[in-house]
Amino acid sequence: MISKQLGHRFDNVFSRIARLVFGQNVNPHLLTFLGLFINVGAAVCLGMGYWISGGILILFAGLFDILDGAVARTVNKVTTFGGFLDSVIDRYSEILLLIGIIWYFAVRDEAGYVFLACIVLMGCILVPYSRAKAEIVLDHCNIGLMERAERTILLAAGSLFNVMGLVLWVLAVFTHITVFQRIHFTWKEMRKLQERTANQ
């Protein structure tokens, strides 16, 4: 939702920042992998209970998730493989963060929160998966309440303000609502395609 609203209007600003810090010829893939590396650190912090450090690192890694695409678009380095790689690395990053949270609650024998985090993990995987499968047939399926940006912001907020239990409940509900939104949208759009095909 946030990504859809903002679009790429700040690409030039973010690209200038990245090239100022990392050099004019910075490779977008480097930024992608730096974001993953930072998320590994965030996951370790979460697992060890260093919530504030984990939240700061989540936000820092999120910045790299913005920078890589902005650089690619502004210097004409957008490729199909780059989009694919970015998506795969995003999944690694998000799953690592949730593993860190599961680790934290598992060590403390809080089985309820471990189960809840697993439900969130399932939703976080199914949200992009449902989009990818739908877009095999449809032009787009980037709808729903809980896309990547929203999930990242919530995890960071849960860490920084020590309200991870509440955040997990919100994510557990709204990630799966987003999946069902995409299922419903895809069903409607495929019915339209079938009707147009039948009327030709």
Protein backbone atom coordinates (compact mmCIF):
# COMPACT_ATOMS: atom_id res chain seq x y z
CA MET A 1 0.00 0.00 0.00
CA ILE A 2 2.74 2.48 0.95
CA SER A 3 4.83 1.49 -2.07
CA LYS A 4 1.81 1.88 -4.34
CA GLN A 5 1.05 5.36 -2.98
CA LEU A 6 4.62 6.68 -3.14
CA GLY A 7 5.61 5.00 -6.38
CA HIS A 8 9.12 5.99 -7.47
CA ARG A 9 8.84 9.74 -6.97
CA PHE A 10 11.87 9.89 -4.64
CA ASP A 11 14.15 7.72 -6.80
CA ASN A 12 16.43 10.61 -7.76
CA VAL A 13 16.95 11.63 -4.13
CA PHE A 14 17.69 8.10 -2.92
CA SER A 15 19.92 7.39 -5.90
CA ARG A 16 22.02 10.48 -5.22
CA ILE A 17 22.42 9.46 -1.59
CA ALA A 18 23.55 5.96 -2.57
CA ARG A 19 26.02 7.21 -5.16
CA LEU A 20 27.36 9.85 -2.78
CA VAL A 21 28.06 7.22 -0.10
CA PHE A 22 29.09 4.24 -2.26
CA GLY A 23 30.44 5.90 -5.40
CA GLN A 24 28.99 6.88 -8.75
CA ASN A 25 29.27 3.38 -10.20
CA VAL A 26 27.69 1.52 -7.29
CA ASN A 27 26.10 -1.76 -8.34
CA PRO A 28 22.44 -2.13 -7.22
CA HIS A 29 23.14 -5.81 -6.43
CA LEU A 30 25.74 -4.71 -3.86
CA LEU A 31 23.09 -2.64 -2.07
CA THR A 32 20.70 -5.60 -2.15
CA PHE A 33 23.22 -7.89 -0.45
CA LEU A 34 24.24 -5.22 2.07
CA GLY A 35 20.58 -5.01 3.10
CA LEU A 36 20.51 -8.77 3.58
CA PHE A 37 23.69 -8.66 5.68
CA ILE A 38 22.19 -5.97 7.93
CA ASN A 39 19.02 -8.02 8.34
CA VAL A 40 21.15 -10.98 9.49
CA GLY A 41 22.45 -8.71 12.25
CA ALA A 42 18.92 -7.56 13.03
CA ALA A 43 17.72 -11.17 13.31
CA VAL A 44 20.53 -12.00 15.75
CA CYS A 45 19.66 -8.94 17.84
CA LEU A 46 15.99 -9.94 17.92
CA GLY A 47 16.85 -13.50 18.89
CA MET A 48 19.01 -12.28 21.75
CA GLY A 49 16.41 -9.80 22.96
CA TYR A 50 18.21 -6.61 21.91
CA TRP A 51 14.97 -5.13 20.62
CA ILE A 52 16.04 -1.52 20.10
CA SER A 53 19.20 -2.52 18.24
CA GLY A 54 17.17 -4.94 16.16
CA GLY A 55 14.59 -2.28 15.30
CA ILE A 56 17.25 0.21 14.24
CA LEU A 57 18.91 -2.39 12.02
CA ILE A 58 15.57 -3.34 10.45
CA LEU A 59 15.00 0.29 9.45
CA PHE A 60 18.59 0.61 8.21
CA ALA A 61 18.21 -2.53 6.08
CA GLY A 62 14.91 -1.19 4.78
CA LEU A 63 16.75 1.87 3.51
CA PHE A 64 19.00 -0.38 1.41
CA ASP A 65 15.88 -2.09 0.07
CA ILE A 66 14.81 1.32 -1.22
CA LEU A 67 18.26 2.36 -2.46
CA ASP A 68 18.93 -0.64 -4.69
CA GLY A 69 15.79 -0.14 -6.77
CA ALA A 70 16.22 3.63 -6.90
CA VAL A 71 19.79 3.31 -8.20
CA ALA A 72 18.81 0.68 -10.76
CA ARG A 73 16.00 2.83 -12.14
CA THR A 74 17.88 6.14 -12.28
CA VAL A 75 21.04 4.75 -13.94
CA ASN A 76 19.13 2.48 -16.33
CA LYS A 77 20.34 -0.77 -14.76
CA VAL A 78 16.90 -2.28 -14.31
CA THR A 79 16.95 -5.93 -15.42
CA THR A 80 14.57 -8.85 -15.12
CA PHE A 81 17.20 -10.74 -13.17
CA GLY A 82 17.70 -7.78 -10.83
CA GLY A 83 14.00 -7.73 -9.99
CA PHE A 84 14.05 -11.48 -9.43
CA LEU A 85 17.15 -11.30 -7.21
CA ASP A 86 15.72 -8.44 -5.16
CA SER A 87 12.52 -10.39 -4.55
CA VAL A 88 14.39 -13.53 -3.46
CA ILE A 89 16.68 -11.56 -1.12
CA ASP A 90 13.64 -9.82 0.35
CA ARG A 91 12.20 -13.23 1.26
CA TYR A 92 15.47 -14.28 2.89
CA SER A 93 15.56 -11.03 4.88
CA GLU A 94 12.00 -11.27 6.12
CA ILE A 95 12.22 -14.95 7.03
CA LEU A 96 15.48 -14.34 8.92
CA LEU A 97 13.82 -11.63 11.02
CA LEU A 98 10.94 -13.91 11.91
CA ILE A 99 13.33 -16.76 12.73
CA GLY A 100 15.05 -14.34 15.12
CA ILE A 101 11.71 -13.59 16.78
CA ILE A 102 10.81 -17.29 16.97
CA TRP A 103 14.22 -17.98 18.50
CA TYR A 104 13.63 -15.30 21.16
CA PHE A 105 10.27 -16.72 22.25
CA ALA A 106 11.38 -20.36 21.95
CA VAL A 107 14.30 -19.84 24.34
CA ARG A 108 11.83 -18.40 26.84
CA ASP A 109 9.35 -21.29 26.39
CA GLU A 110 6.61 -18.95 25.19
CA ALA A 111 4.94 -21.49 22.91
CA GLY A 112 1.96 -19.24 22.15
CA TYR A 113 4.13 -16.54 20.64
CA VAL A 114 6.23 -19.12 18.79
CA PHE A 115 3.03 -20.44 17.17
CA LEU A 116 1.83 -16.90 16.43
CA ALA A 117 5.16 -15.99 14.80
CA CYS A 118 4.89 -19.14 12.66
CA ILE A 119 1.44 -17.99 11.47
CA VAL A 120 3.02 -14.62 10.60
CA LEU A 121 5.85 -16.38 8.76
CA MET A 122 3.30 -18.31 6.73
CA GLY A 123 1.47 -15.10 5.82
CA CYS A 124 4.67 -13.25 4.91
CA ILE A 125 5.57 -16.04 2.48
CA LEU A 126 2.10 -16.33 0.97
CA VAL A 127 1.61 -12.59 0.33
CA PRO A 128 4.37 -12.34 -2.34
CA TYR A 129 3.74 -15.91 -3.52
CA SER A 130 0.09 -15.17 -4.27
CA ARG A 131 1.13 -12.09 -6.24
CA ALA A 132 3.78 -13.96 -8.21
CA LYS A 133 1.36 -16.75 -9.15
CA ALA A 134 -1.41 -14.29 -10.09
CA GLU A 135 0.91 -12.22 -12.28
CA ILE A 136 1.66 -15.24 -14.44
CA VAL A 137 -1.76 -14.54 -15.94
CA LEU A 138 -2.61 -10.99 -14.84
CA ASP A 139 -0.81 -7.71 -15.47
CA HIS A 140 -0.64 -6.92 -11.77
CA CYS A 141 -1.77 -8.11 -8.37
CA ASN A 142 -0.05 -5.65 -6.03
CA ILE A 143 -3.10 -5.04 -3.87
CA GLY A 144 -3.71 -5.59 -0.19
CA LEU A 145 -3.15 -4.05 3.22
CA MET A 146 0.09 -5.71 4.28
CA GLU A 147 2.80 -5.51 1.64
CA ARG A 148 6.53 -5.63 2.28
CA ALA A 149 6.92 -1.99 3.37
CA GLU A 150 4.12 -2.22 5.92
CA ARG A 151 5.45 -5.47 7.35
CA THR A 152 8.95 -4.02 7.71
CA ILE A 153 7.69 -0.88 9.45
CA LEU A 154 5.57 -2.92 11.87
CA LEU A 155 8.44 -5.26 12.77
CA ALA A 156 10.70 -2.27 13.38
CA ALA A 157 8.04 -0.57 15.51
CA GLY A 158 7.44 -3.75 17.49
CA SER A 159 11.15 -3.92 18.25
CA LEU A 160 11.73 -0.26 19.03
CA PHE A 161 8.69 0.13 21.29
CA ASN A 162 8.79 -3.37 22.80
CA VAL A 163 5.31 -4.27 21.55
CA MET A 164 6.28 -7.27 19.43
CA GLY A 165 3.43 -9.39 20.79
CA LEU A 166 0.86 -6.87 19.55
CA VAL A 167 2.66 -6.50 16.21
CA LEU A 168 2.63 -10.28 15.71
CA TRP A 169 -1.13 -10.34 16.21
CA VAL A 170 -1.60 -7.52 13.68
CA LEU A 171 0.65 -9.26 11.16
CA ALA A 172 -0.96 -12.66 11.75
CA VAL A 173 -4.38 -11.23 10.88
CA PHE A 174 -3.59 -8.77 8.13
CA THR A 175 -1.03 -10.77 6.14
CA HIS A 176 -3.66 -13.47 5.65
CA ILE A 177 -6.33 -10.87 4.86
CA THR A 178 -3.96 -9.59 2.16
CA VAL A 179 -3.60 -13.12 0.75
CA PHE A 180 -7.37 -13.49 0.57
CA GLN A 181 -7.68 -10.04 -1.02
CA ARG A 182 -5.31 -11.21 -3.74
CA ILE A 183 -7.14 -14.51 -4.18
CA HIS A 184 -10.44 -12.64 -4.56
CA PHE A 185 -8.93 -10.07 -6.93
CA THR A 186 -7.37 -12.82 -9.08
CA TRP A 187 -10.66 -14.76 -9.17
CA LYS A 188 -12.55 -11.65 -10.36
CA GLU A 189 -9.95 -10.74 -12.98
CA MET A 190 -9.77 -14.30 -14.33
CA ARG A 191 -13.56 -14.40 -14.64
CA LYS A 192 -13.39 -11.20 -16.69
CA LEU A 193 -10.70 -12.74 -18.92
CA GLN A 194 -12.82 -15.86 -19.43
CA GLU A 195 -15.89 -13.78 -20.29
CA ARG A 196 -13.94 -11.68 -22.81
CA THR A 197 -12.51 -14.82 -24.38
CA ALA A 198 -15.97 -16.40 -24.59
CA ASN A 199 -17.41 -13.30 -26.29
CA GLN A 200 -14.74 -13.09 -29.00
